[in-house]
Amino acid sequence: MNRLLSAGLVGVLAATLALPAAAHTGHAGDAMFLQGVLHPLTGIDHLLTMLAVGVWAAQNGGRAIWLLPTAFITMLSGGAVLGMSGIELPAVEAGIAASVAVLGLLVLLNRRVPVAAAAILVGAFAVLHGHAHGTEMPQTADPLLYGLGFVLSTAMLHGTGIALGLARHLPRRLLAFREPESTAPSNRC
């Protein structure tokens, strides 16, 4: 369990530390992409929510492991388009704060929810996060490169959350695969 957890954290740290090397002068496209990658990693609200989606998906198991991150990324992209287009949404910041609290509580309580309801919930929160990404896009950024950056970063955070969620339950799963001990008396001489 500790190895899987350590590997996931080392992977996130390595990816985060390696990214600034791409922002050398003369690589404007790289810099725009980098700005998108860094956006979810530099805001604690985004970071916690995206990790929580992954952990909660792992806790729910089955189809939720791929469906919740997919729903989040799809709706995140739609919200970003709205934000980049200048379309206002009400209470974006309050909704983002609520996403941290609600998803954090669901993870803490290990609350399983029907997959469709869970996908709708994370999708609704994702629209708000995407809207924030879109409205906070730098004026000089290429929307496609910036968007690809924060989608990749979001997927990486979901994957890390899934790994953390699965690692948390790994010892129980390993114990379940042990050979049951025989209760019958042995016929040894």
N, C-alpha and C. Protein backbone atom coordinates (compact mmCIF):
# COMPACT_ATOMS: atom_id res chain seq x y z
N MET A 1 0.83 -1.19 0.00
CA MET A 1 0.00 0.00 0.00
C MET A 1 0.87 1.25 0.00
N ASN A 2 1.87 1.28 0.86
CA ASN A 2 2.72 2.45 0.94
C ASN A 2 3.50 2.68 -0.34
N ARG A 3 3.88 1.60 -1.02
CA ARG A 3 4.61 1.75 -2.28
C ARG A 3 3.74 2.38 -3.35
N LEU A 4 2.47 1.94 -3.45
CA LEU A 4 1.56 2.50 -4.44
C LEU A 4 1.28 3.96 -4.15
N LEU A 5 1.05 4.28 -2.88
CA LEU A 5 0.81 5.66 -2.47
C LEU A 5 2.03 6.52 -2.76
N SER A 6 3.22 6.02 -2.39
CA SER A 6 4.45 6.76 -2.64
C SER A 6 4.68 6.96 -4.13
N ALA A 7 4.43 5.93 -4.93
CA ALA A 7 4.62 6.05 -6.37
C ALA A 7 3.70 7.10 -6.96
N GLY A 8 2.45 7.14 -6.52
CA GLY A 8 1.50 8.14 -7.01
C GLY A 8 1.93 9.55 -6.65
N LEU A 9 2.35 9.75 -5.41
CA LEU A 9 2.78 11.07 -4.97
C LEU A 9 4.07 11.50 -5.66
N VAL A 10 5.00 10.58 -5.83
CA VAL A 10 6.24 10.89 -6.54
C VAL A 10 5.94 11.25 -7.99
N GLY A 11 5.00 10.55 -8.61
CA GLY A 11 4.62 10.85 -9.99
C GLY A 11 4.06 12.25 -10.14
N VAL A 12 3.17 12.63 -9.23
CA VAL A 12 2.60 13.99 -9.27
C VAL A 12 3.69 15.03 -9.05
N LEU A 13 4.53 14.79 -8.04
CA LEU A 13 5.61 15.73 -7.75
C LEU A 13 6.57 15.85 -8.93
N ALA A 14 6.96 14.74 -9.52
CA ALA A 14 7.89 14.76 -10.66
C ALA A 14 7.28 15.50 -11.84
N ALA A 15 6.01 15.24 -12.12
CA ALA A 15 5.36 15.93 -13.24
C ALA A 15 5.27 17.42 -12.98
N THR A 16 4.97 17.79 -11.75
CA THR A 16 4.85 19.20 -11.40
C THR A 16 6.20 19.91 -11.49
N LEU A 17 7.24 19.27 -10.99
CA LEU A 17 8.56 19.89 -11.01
C LEU A 17 9.17 19.93 -12.40
N ALA A 18 8.81 18.98 -13.25
CA ALA A 18 9.39 18.92 -14.59
C ALA A 18 8.75 19.92 -15.55
N LEU A 19 7.56 20.39 -15.24
CA LEU A 19 6.85 21.25 -16.18
C LEU A 19 7.53 22.58 -16.47
N PRO A 20 8.10 23.30 -15.51
CA PRO A 20 8.70 24.59 -15.84
C PRO A 20 9.80 24.52 -16.88
N ALA A 21 10.43 23.40 -17.08
CA ALA A 21 11.49 23.29 -18.08
C ALA A 21 10.97 23.54 -19.49
N ALA A 22 9.66 23.38 -19.72
CA ALA A 22 9.10 23.58 -21.04
C ALA A 22 8.82 25.04 -21.34
N ALA A 23 8.99 25.93 -20.36
CA ALA A 23 8.60 27.32 -20.54
C ALA A 23 9.80 28.22 -20.89
N HIS A 24 10.66 27.76 -21.74
CA HIS A 24 11.80 28.57 -22.17
C HIS A 24 11.35 29.59 -23.20
N THR A 25 12.10 30.67 -23.31
CA THR A 25 11.79 31.71 -24.28
C THR A 25 11.77 31.12 -25.69
N GLY A 26 10.77 31.53 -26.46
CA GLY A 26 10.67 31.04 -27.83
C GLY A 26 9.69 29.90 -27.98
N HIS A 27 9.13 29.45 -26.89
CA HIS A 27 8.17 28.35 -26.92
C HIS A 27 6.81 28.84 -26.41
N ALA A 28 6.24 29.78 -27.10
CA ALA A 28 4.97 30.38 -26.65
C ALA A 28 3.88 29.32 -26.51
N GLY A 29 3.83 28.37 -27.43
CA GLY A 29 2.83 27.31 -27.33
C GLY A 29 3.02 26.47 -26.09
N ASP A 30 4.29 26.16 -25.78
CA ASP A 30 4.59 25.40 -24.57
C ASP A 30 4.16 26.18 -23.33
N ALA A 31 4.41 27.49 -23.32
CA ALA A 31 4.06 28.32 -22.17
C ALA A 31 2.55 28.36 -21.98
N MET A 32 1.79 28.43 -23.06
CA MET A 32 0.32 28.44 -22.95
C MET A 32 -0.17 27.11 -22.41
N PHE A 33 0.39 26.03 -22.92
CA PHE A 33 0.04 24.70 -22.46
C PHE A 33 0.40 24.57 -20.98
N LEU A 34 1.59 25.04 -20.62
CA LEU A 34 2.06 24.98 -19.24
C LEU A 34 1.14 25.75 -18.30
N GLN A 35 0.69 26.92 -18.73
CA GLN A 35 -0.24 27.69 -17.90
C GLN A 35 -1.51 26.89 -17.62
N GLY A 36 -2.00 26.19 -18.62
CA GLY A 36 -3.18 25.35 -18.43
C GLY A 36 -2.91 24.19 -17.49
N VAL A 37 -1.75 23.55 -17.64
CA VAL A 37 -1.39 22.42 -16.77
C VAL A 37 -1.29 22.89 -15.33
N LEU A 38 -0.69 24.03 -15.11
CA LEU A 38 -0.45 24.51 -13.75
C LEU A 38 -1.71 25.01 -13.05
N HIS A 39 -2.69 25.47 -13.80
CA HIS A 39 -3.87 26.07 -13.17
C HIS A 39 -4.52 25.17 -12.13
N PRO A 40 -4.85 23.91 -12.44
CA PRO A 40 -5.45 23.06 -11.41
C PRO A 40 -4.49 22.70 -10.27
N LEU A 41 -3.20 22.74 -10.53
CA LEU A 41 -2.21 22.36 -9.52
C LEU A 41 -1.89 23.47 -8.54
N THR A 42 -2.19 24.71 -8.92
CA THR A 42 -1.81 25.85 -8.08
C THR A 42 -2.96 26.41 -7.26
N GLY A 43 -4.16 25.92 -7.48
CA GLY A 43 -5.29 26.35 -6.68
C GLY A 43 -5.72 25.20 -5.78
N ILE A 44 -5.65 25.40 -4.47
CA ILE A 44 -5.95 24.31 -3.53
C ILE A 44 -7.38 23.81 -3.72
N ASP A 45 -8.30 24.69 -4.08
CA ASP A 45 -9.69 24.25 -4.29
C ASP A 45 -9.79 23.29 -5.47
N HIS A 46 -9.12 23.60 -6.56
CA HIS A 46 -9.14 22.72 -7.73
C HIS A 46 -8.41 21.42 -7.41
N LEU A 47 -7.26 21.52 -6.80
CA LEU A 47 -6.45 20.35 -6.47
C LEU A 47 -7.22 19.37 -5.59
N LEU A 48 -7.82 19.87 -4.52
CA LEU A 48 -8.57 18.99 -3.61
C LEU A 48 -9.78 18.36 -4.28
N THR A 49 -10.51 19.14 -5.06
CA THR A 49 -11.70 18.61 -5.72
C THR A 49 -11.33 17.51 -6.72
N MET A 50 -10.33 17.74 -7.52
CA MET A 50 -9.98 16.76 -8.55
C MET A 50 -9.39 15.49 -7.95
N LEU A 51 -8.64 15.62 -6.88
CA LEU A 51 -8.18 14.42 -6.17
C LEU A 51 -9.37 13.68 -5.54
N ALA A 52 -10.29 14.44 -4.96
CA ALA A 52 -11.47 13.84 -4.32
C ALA A 52 -12.33 13.08 -5.32
N VAL A 53 -12.47 13.60 -6.52
CA VAL A 53 -13.23 12.89 -7.55
C VAL A 53 -12.61 11.52 -7.80
N GLY A 54 -11.29 11.47 -7.90
CA GLY A 54 -10.61 10.19 -8.13
C GLY A 54 -10.76 9.23 -6.97
N VAL A 55 -10.56 9.74 -5.75
CA VAL A 55 -10.69 8.88 -4.57
C VAL A 55 -12.12 8.36 -4.46
N TRP A 56 -13.09 9.25 -4.63
CA TRP A 56 -14.50 8.85 -4.52
C TRP A 56 -14.88 7.84 -5.60
N ALA A 57 -14.34 8.02 -6.79
CA ALA A 57 -14.58 7.05 -7.87
C ALA A 57 -14.05 5.67 -7.46
N ALA A 58 -12.86 5.64 -6.88
CA ALA A 58 -12.29 4.36 -6.42
C ALA A 58 -13.12 3.76 -5.30
N GLN A 59 -13.60 4.60 -4.40
CA GLN A 59 -14.43 4.10 -3.30
C GLN A 59 -15.73 3.50 -3.81
N ASN A 60 -16.31 4.13 -4.83
CA ASN A 60 -17.55 3.62 -5.41
C ASN A 60 -17.30 2.35 -6.22
N GLY A 61 -16.12 2.26 -6.83
CA GLY A 61 -15.73 1.07 -7.57
C GLY A 61 -16.52 0.87 -8.85
N GLY A 62 -16.26 -0.24 -9.52
CA GLY A 62 -16.95 -0.61 -10.75
C GLY A 62 -16.86 0.46 -11.82
N ARG A 63 -18.01 0.74 -12.46
CA ARG A 63 -18.05 1.73 -13.54
C ARG A 63 -17.70 3.13 -13.09
N ALA A 64 -17.88 3.42 -11.79
CA ALA A 64 -17.59 4.76 -11.27
C ALA A 64 -16.12 5.14 -11.47
N ILE A 65 -15.24 4.15 -11.48
CA ILE A 65 -13.80 4.43 -11.60
C ILE A 65 -13.49 5.16 -12.90
N TRP A 66 -14.17 4.84 -13.98
CA TRP A 66 -13.92 5.55 -15.23
C TRP A 66 -15.00 6.58 -15.52
N LEU A 67 -16.23 6.36 -15.04
CA LEU A 67 -17.32 7.26 -15.38
C LEU A 67 -17.24 8.61 -14.67
N LEU A 68 -16.87 8.62 -13.39
CA LEU A 68 -16.82 9.90 -12.68
C LEU A 68 -15.74 10.83 -13.24
N PRO A 69 -14.50 10.35 -13.44
CA PRO A 69 -13.52 11.24 -14.07
C PRO A 69 -13.91 11.67 -15.49
N THR A 70 -14.52 10.76 -16.25
CA THR A 70 -14.94 11.11 -17.61
C THR A 70 -16.02 12.18 -17.58
N ALA A 71 -17.00 12.03 -16.69
CA ALA A 71 -18.06 13.04 -16.55
C ALA A 71 -17.47 14.37 -16.13
N PHE A 72 -16.53 14.33 -15.19
CA PHE A 72 -15.92 15.57 -14.71
C PHE A 72 -15.18 16.27 -15.84
N ILE A 73 -14.34 15.54 -16.57
CA ILE A 73 -13.54 16.16 -17.62
C ILE A 73 -14.42 16.69 -18.75
N THR A 74 -15.46 15.95 -19.09
CA THR A 74 -16.38 16.40 -20.15
C THR A 74 -17.07 17.70 -19.75
N MET A 75 -17.62 17.73 -18.55
CA MET A 75 -18.33 18.92 -18.10
C MET A 75 -17.38 20.07 -17.78
N LEU A 76 -16.17 19.75 -17.33
CA LEU A 76 -15.13 20.76 -17.11
C LEU A 76 -14.85 21.49 -18.42
N SER A 77 -14.74 20.73 -19.49
CA SER A 77 -14.47 21.32 -20.81
C SER A 77 -15.61 22.22 -21.25
N GLY A 78 -16.83 21.77 -21.04
CA GLY A 78 -17.99 22.61 -21.38
C GLY A 78 -18.02 23.89 -20.57
N GLY A 79 -17.74 23.79 -19.27
CA GLY A 79 -17.70 24.97 -18.42
C GLY A 79 -16.61 25.93 -18.85
N ALA A 80 -15.46 25.39 -19.28
CA ALA A 80 -14.36 26.24 -19.74
C ALA A 80 -14.75 27.01 -20.99
N VAL A 81 -15.45 26.35 -21.90
CA VAL A 81 -15.90 27.05 -23.11
C VAL A 81 -16.84 28.20 -22.73
N LEU A 82 -17.72 27.96 -21.77
CA LEU A 82 -18.61 29.04 -21.31
C LEU A 82 -17.79 30.20 -20.74
N GLY A 83 -16.81 29.88 -19.89
CA GLY A 83 -15.98 30.92 -19.30
C GLY A 83 -15.15 31.68 -20.32
N MET A 84 -14.58 30.95 -21.27
CA MET A 84 -13.78 31.60 -22.32
C MET A 84 -14.64 32.48 -23.22
N SER A 85 -15.91 32.14 -23.34
CA SER A 85 -16.84 32.89 -24.18
C SER A 85 -17.42 34.11 -23.47
N GLY A 86 -17.10 34.24 -22.18
CA GLY A 86 -17.60 35.38 -21.42
C GLY A 86 -19.00 35.19 -20.88
N ILE A 87 -19.52 34.00 -20.94
CA ILE A 87 -20.86 33.72 -20.41
C ILE A 87 -20.75 33.57 -18.90
N GLU A 88 -21.52 34.39 -18.20
CA GLU A 88 -21.47 34.39 -16.74
C GLU A 88 -22.33 33.27 -16.16
N LEU A 89 -21.87 32.68 -15.08
CA LEU A 89 -22.64 31.71 -14.31
C LEU A 89 -22.75 32.25 -12.88
N PRO A 90 -23.89 32.04 -12.24
CA PRO A 90 -24.03 32.54 -10.87
C PRO A 90 -23.26 31.69 -9.87
N ALA A 91 -22.74 32.32 -8.84
CA ALA A 91 -22.15 31.68 -7.67
C ALA A 91 -21.06 30.66 -8.00
N VAL A 92 -20.21 30.98 -8.94
CA VAL A 92 -19.16 30.03 -9.33
C VAL A 92 -18.23 29.75 -8.15
N GLU A 93 -17.74 30.79 -7.50
CA GLU A 93 -16.80 30.59 -6.40
C GLU A 93 -17.45 29.85 -5.23
N ALA A 94 -18.69 30.17 -4.93
CA ALA A 94 -19.40 29.46 -3.85
C ALA A 94 -19.60 27.99 -4.22
N GLY A 95 -19.90 27.73 -5.48
CA GLY A 95 -20.07 26.36 -5.95
C GLY A 95 -18.77 25.57 -5.90
N ILE A 96 -17.67 26.23 -6.22
CA ILE A 96 -16.36 25.58 -6.15
C ILE A 96 -16.03 25.25 -4.69
N ALA A 97 -16.31 26.18 -3.78
CA ALA A 97 -16.09 25.90 -2.35
C ALA A 97 -16.98 24.75 -1.89
N ALA A 98 -18.21 24.74 -2.37
CA ALA A 98 -19.12 23.64 -2.00
C ALA A 98 -18.61 22.31 -2.54
N SER A 99 -17.98 22.32 -3.72
CA SER A 99 -17.46 21.07 -4.28
C SER A 99 -16.37 20.48 -3.39
N VAL A 100 -15.52 21.34 -2.85
CA VAL A 100 -14.47 20.86 -1.95
C VAL A 100 -15.11 20.24 -0.71
N ALA A 101 -16.09 20.93 -0.13
CA ALA A 101 -16.73 20.45 1.10
C ALA A 101 -17.54 19.17 0.86
N VAL A 102 -18.38 19.17 -0.17
CA VAL A 102 -19.27 18.03 -0.43
C VAL A 102 -18.47 16.79 -0.82
N LEU A 103 -17.56 16.94 -1.78
CA LEU A 103 -16.77 15.78 -2.21
C LEU A 103 -15.84 15.30 -1.10
N GLY A 104 -15.29 16.23 -0.35
CA GLY A 104 -14.45 15.85 0.78
C GLY A 104 -15.23 15.06 1.82
N LEU A 105 -16.46 15.48 2.08
CA LEU A 105 -17.31 14.77 3.03
C LEU A 105 -17.70 13.39 2.51
N LEU A 106 -18.02 13.30 1.22
CA LEU A 106 -18.36 12.00 0.63
C LEU A 106 -17.20 11.03 0.71
N VAL A 107 -15.99 11.53 0.49
CA VAL A 107 -14.80 10.69 0.60
C VAL A 107 -14.58 10.29 2.06
N LEU A 108 -14.66 11.25 2.95
CA LEU A 108 -14.44 10.99 4.36
C LEU A 108 -15.41 9.95 4.91
N LEU A 109 -16.68 10.07 4.51
CA LEU A 109 -17.70 9.13 4.98
C LEU A 109 -17.74 7.85 4.16
N ASN A 110 -16.94 7.80 3.08
CA ASN A 110 -16.93 6.65 2.17
C ASN A 110 -18.35 6.34 1.70
N ARG A 111 -19.07 7.38 1.32
CA ARG A 111 -20.48 7.28 0.94
C ARG A 111 -20.60 6.85 -0.51
N ARG A 112 -21.18 5.69 -0.72
CA ARG A 112 -21.44 5.20 -2.08
C ARG A 112 -22.78 5.73 -2.54
N VAL A 113 -22.81 6.14 -3.80
CA VAL A 113 -24.00 6.74 -4.40
C VAL A 113 -24.20 6.04 -5.74
N PRO A 114 -25.44 5.88 -6.21
CA PRO A 114 -25.62 5.31 -7.55
C PRO A 114 -24.76 6.07 -8.57
N VAL A 115 -24.18 5.34 -9.50
CA VAL A 115 -23.21 5.91 -10.43
C VAL A 115 -23.78 7.09 -11.21
N ALA A 116 -25.00 6.99 -11.67
CA ALA A 116 -25.59 8.10 -12.45
C ALA A 116 -25.69 9.36 -11.59
N ALA A 117 -26.14 9.22 -10.36
CA ALA A 117 -26.26 10.38 -9.47
C ALA A 117 -24.89 10.96 -9.16
N ALA A 118 -23.91 10.09 -8.94
CA ALA A 118 -22.55 10.56 -8.67
C ALA A 118 -21.98 11.32 -9.87
N ALA A 119 -22.24 10.81 -11.08
CA ALA A 119 -21.74 11.47 -12.30
C ALA A 119 -22.40 12.83 -12.48
N ILE A 120 -23.68 12.94 -12.17
CA ILE A 120 -24.38 14.23 -12.27
C ILE A 120 -23.80 15.21 -11.27
N LEU A 121 -23.55 14.76 -10.05
CA LEU A 121 -22.99 15.63 -9.02
C LEU A 121 -21.61 16.14 -9.41
N VAL A 122 -20.70 15.23 -9.79
CA VAL A 122 -19.35 15.69 -10.15
C VAL A 122 -19.40 16.52 -11.44
N GLY A 123 -20.32 16.21 -12.34
CA GLY A 123 -20.46 17.00 -13.57
C GLY A 123 -20.89 18.43 -13.28
N ALA A 124 -21.81 18.59 -12.34
CA ALA A 124 -22.27 19.94 -11.98
C ALA A 124 -21.13 20.75 -11.37
N PHE A 125 -20.38 20.11 -10.48
CA PHE A 125 -19.22 20.81 -9.90
C PHE A 125 -18.17 21.10 -10.96
N ALA A 126 -18.01 20.19 -11.92
CA ALA A 126 -17.00 20.36 -12.96
C ALA A 126 -17.29 21.57 -13.84
N VAL A 127 -18.56 21.83 -14.12
CA VAL A 127 -18.92 23.01 -14.93
C VAL A 127 -18.39 24.26 -14.25
N LEU A 128 -18.53 24.33 -12.94
CA LEU A 128 -18.06 25.51 -12.20
C LEU A 128 -16.54 25.62 -12.23
N HIS A 129 -15.86 24.50 -12.03
CA HIS A 129 -14.39 24.51 -12.09
C HIS A 129 -13.92 24.88 -13.50
N GLY A 130 -14.56 24.32 -14.50
CA GLY A 130 -14.20 24.64 -15.88
C GLY A 130 -14.44 26.11 -16.20
N HIS A 131 -15.55 26.64 -15.70
CA HIS A 131 -15.85 28.06 -15.92
C HIS A 131 -14.74 28.92 -15.34
N ALA A 132 -14.30 28.57 -14.14
CA ALA A 132 -13.21 29.32 -13.51
C ALA A 132 -11.93 29.21 -14.34
N HIS A 133 -11.62 28.01 -14.83
CA HIS A 133 -10.44 27.85 -15.69
C HIS A 133 -10.56 28.74 -16.92
N GLY A 134 -11.74 28.74 -17.52
CA GLY A 134 -11.95 29.51 -18.75
C GLY A 134 -11.87 31.01 -18.54
N THR A 135 -12.49 31.51 -17.46
CA THR A 135 -12.46 32.96 -17.23
C THR A 135 -11.10 33.43 -16.76
N GLU A 136 -10.31 32.54 -16.16
CA GLU A 136 -8.99 32.92 -15.66
C GLU A 136 -7.89 32.64 -16.68
N MET A 137 -8.27 32.24 -17.89
CA MET A 137 -7.29 32.00 -18.94
C MET A 137 -6.59 33.32 -19.27
N PRO A 138 -5.25 33.31 -19.31
CA PRO A 138 -4.53 34.53 -19.67
C PRO A 138 -4.96 35.03 -21.05
N GLN A 139 -5.00 36.33 -21.21
CA GLN A 139 -5.43 36.96 -22.47
C GLN A 139 -4.62 36.47 -23.67
N THR A 140 -3.34 36.21 -23.46
CA THR A 140 -2.46 35.82 -24.57
C THR A 140 -2.46 34.32 -24.84
N ALA A 141 -3.15 33.55 -24.02
CA ALA A 141 -3.11 32.09 -24.17
C ALA A 141 -3.95 31.63 -25.35
N ASP A 142 -3.49 30.59 -26.00
CA ASP A 142 -4.27 29.93 -27.04
C ASP A 142 -5.27 29.03 -26.32
N PRO A 143 -6.56 29.23 -26.54
CA PRO A 143 -7.57 28.46 -25.80
C PRO A 143 -7.40 26.94 -25.92
N LEU A 144 -7.03 26.46 -27.10
CA LEU A 144 -6.89 25.02 -27.28
C LEU A 144 -5.71 24.47 -26.47
N LEU A 145 -4.55 25.13 -26.55
CA LEU A 145 -3.38 24.66 -25.80
C LEU A 145 -3.60 24.79 -24.30
N TYR A 146 -4.17 25.90 -23.88
CA TYR A 146 -4.46 26.12 -22.46
C TYR A 146 -5.45 25.06 -21.97
N GLY A 147 -6.49 24.81 -22.76
CA GLY A 147 -7.50 23.81 -22.39
C GLY A 147 -6.92 22.41 -22.33
N LEU A 148 -6.10 22.05 -23.31
CA LEU A 148 -5.45 20.74 -23.28
C LEU A 148 -4.59 20.58 -22.02
N GLY A 149 -3.96 21.67 -21.63
CA GLY A 149 -3.12 21.64 -20.43
C GLY A 149 -3.92 21.35 -19.17
N PHE A 150 -5.03 22.08 -18.97
CA PHE A 150 -5.75 21.83 -17.72
C PHE A 150 -6.56 20.54 -17.77
N VAL A 151 -6.91 20.06 -18.95
CA VAL A 151 -7.58 18.75 -19.04
C VAL A 151 -6.58 17.64 -18.69
N LEU A 152 -5.36 17.74 -19.22
CA LEU A 152 -4.33 16.75 -18.90
C LEU A 152 -4.02 16.75 -17.41
N SER A 153 -3.87 17.93 -16.84
CA SER A 153 -3.58 18.05 -15.42
C SER A 153 -4.72 17.49 -14.57
N THR A 154 -5.95 17.76 -14.98
CA THR A 154 -7.12 17.23 -14.27
C THR A 154 -7.15 15.71 -14.33
N ALA A 155 -6.89 15.16 -15.51
CA ALA A 155 -6.87 13.70 -15.65
C ALA A 155 -5.78 13.09 -14.77
N MET A 156 -4.64 13.74 -14.70
CA MET A 156 -3.55 13.26 -13.85
C MET A 156 -3.96 13.28 -12.38
N LEU A 157 -4.64 14.34 -11.96
CA LEU A 157 -5.10 14.42 -10.57
C LEU A 157 -6.16 13.37 -10.28
N HIS A 158 -7.07 13.14 -11.23
CA HIS A 158 -8.07 12.07 -11.05
C HIS A 158 -7.37 10.72 -10.91
N GLY A 159 -6.40 10.47 -11.78
CA GLY A 159 -5.67 9.20 -11.72
C GLY A 159 -4.94 9.03 -10.40
N THR A 160 -4.36 10.10 -9.90
CA THR A 160 -3.69 10.05 -8.60
C THR A 160 -4.71 9.76 -7.50
N GLY A 161 -5.87 10.41 -7.57
CA GLY A 161 -6.92 10.16 -6.59
C GLY A 161 -7.40 8.72 -6.63
N ILE A 162 -7.56 8.18 -7.84
CA ILE A 162 -7.97 6.78 -7.97
C ILE A 162 -6.92 5.87 -7.35
N ALA A 163 -5.65 6.13 -7.63
CA ALA A 163 -4.57 5.32 -7.05
C ALA A 163 -4.59 5.40 -5.53
N LEU A 164 -4.80 6.59 -5.00
CA LEU A 164 -4.88 6.75 -3.54
C LEU A 164 -6.08 5.99 -2.97
N GLY A 165 -7.21 6.10 -3.64
CA GLY A 165 -8.41 5.40 -3.19
C GLY A 165 -8.27 3.90 -3.23
N LEU A 166 -7.65 3.40 -4.28
CA LEU A 166 -7.44 1.95 -4.39
C LEU A 166 -6.39 1.47 -3.40
N ALA A 167 -5.35 2.27 -3.19
CA ALA A 167 -4.28 1.89 -2.26
C ALA A 167 -4.82 1.81 -0.84
N ARG A 168 -5.75 2.64 -0.53
CA ARG A 168 -6.34 2.66 0.81
C ARG A 168 -7.04 1.34 1.13
N HIS A 169 -7.60 0.72 0.12
CA HIS A 169 -8.32 -0.53 0.31
C HIS A 169 -7.49 -1.75 -0.09
N LEU A 170 -6.26 -1.54 -0.48
CA LEU A 170 -5.43 -2.64 -0.96
C LEU A 170 -5.21 -3.74 0.07
N PRO A 171 -4.89 -3.43 1.33
CA PRO A 171 -4.66 -4.53 2.28
C PRO A 171 -5.88 -5.43 2.44
N ARG A 172 -7.08 -4.89 2.48
CA ARG A 172 -8.29 -5.70 2.59
C ARG A 172 -8.45 -6.61 1.39
N ARG A 173 -8.16 -6.08 0.22
CA ARG A 173 -8.30 -6.88 -1.01
C ARG A 173 -7.27 -7.99 -1.05
N LEU A 174 -6.06 -7.72 -0.60
CA LEU A 174 -5.04 -8.75 -0.58
C LEU A 174 -5.39 -9.86 0.40
N LEU A 175 -5.93 -9.48 1.53
CA LEU A 175 -6.32 -10.47 2.53
C LEU A 175 -7.46 -11.35 2.01
N ALA A 176 -8.32 -10.79 1.18
CA ALA A 176 -9.45 -11.54 0.63
C ALA A 176 -8.98 -12.63 -0.32
N PHE A 177 -7.78 -12.53 -0.86
CA PHE A 177 -7.29 -13.52 -1.81
C PHE A 177 -6.47 -14.63 -1.15
N ARG A 178 -6.33 -14.58 0.16
CA ARG A 178 -5.58 -15.64 0.85
C ARG A 178 -6.37 -16.93 0.84
N GLU A 179 -5.66 -18.03 0.86
CA GLU A 179 -6.27 -19.35 0.94
C GLU A 179 -6.96 -19.48 2.29
N PRO A 180 -8.21 -19.92 2.33
CA PRO A 180 -8.86 -20.13 3.62
C PRO A 180 -8.20 -21.29 4.35
N GLU A 181 -8.08 -21.13 5.66
CA GLU A 181 -7.47 -22.20 6.46
C GLU A 181 -8.49 -23.30 6.63
N SER A 182 -8.03 -24.52 6.54
CA SER A 182 -8.90 -25.69 6.67
C SER A 182 -9.26 -25.91 8.13
N THR A 183 -10.53 -26.19 8.38
CA THR A 183 -10.99 -26.45 9.74
C THR A 183 -11.13 -27.95 9.99
N ALA A 184 -10.93 -28.75 8.96
CA ALA A 184 -11.05 -30.21 9.11
C ALA A 184 -9.81 -30.75 9.82
N PRO A 185 -10.00 -31.76 10.67
CA PRO A 185 -8.84 -32.34 11.35
C PRO A 185 -7.90 -32.99 10.34
N SER A 186 -6.63 -32.88 10.60
CA SER A 186 -5.65 -33.44 9.66
C SER A 186 -5.48 -34.93 9.96
N ASN A 187 -5.14 -35.66 8.93
CA ASN A 187 -4.92 -37.11 9.04
C ASN A 187 -3.43 -37.43 9.05
N ARG A 188 -2.65 -36.55 9.57
CA ARG A 188 -1.19 -36.76 9.58
C ARG A 188 -0.83 -37.76 10.67
N CYS A 189 0.16 -38.53 10.40
CA CYS A 189 0.64 -39.50 11.38
C CYS A 189 1.70 -38.93 12.27
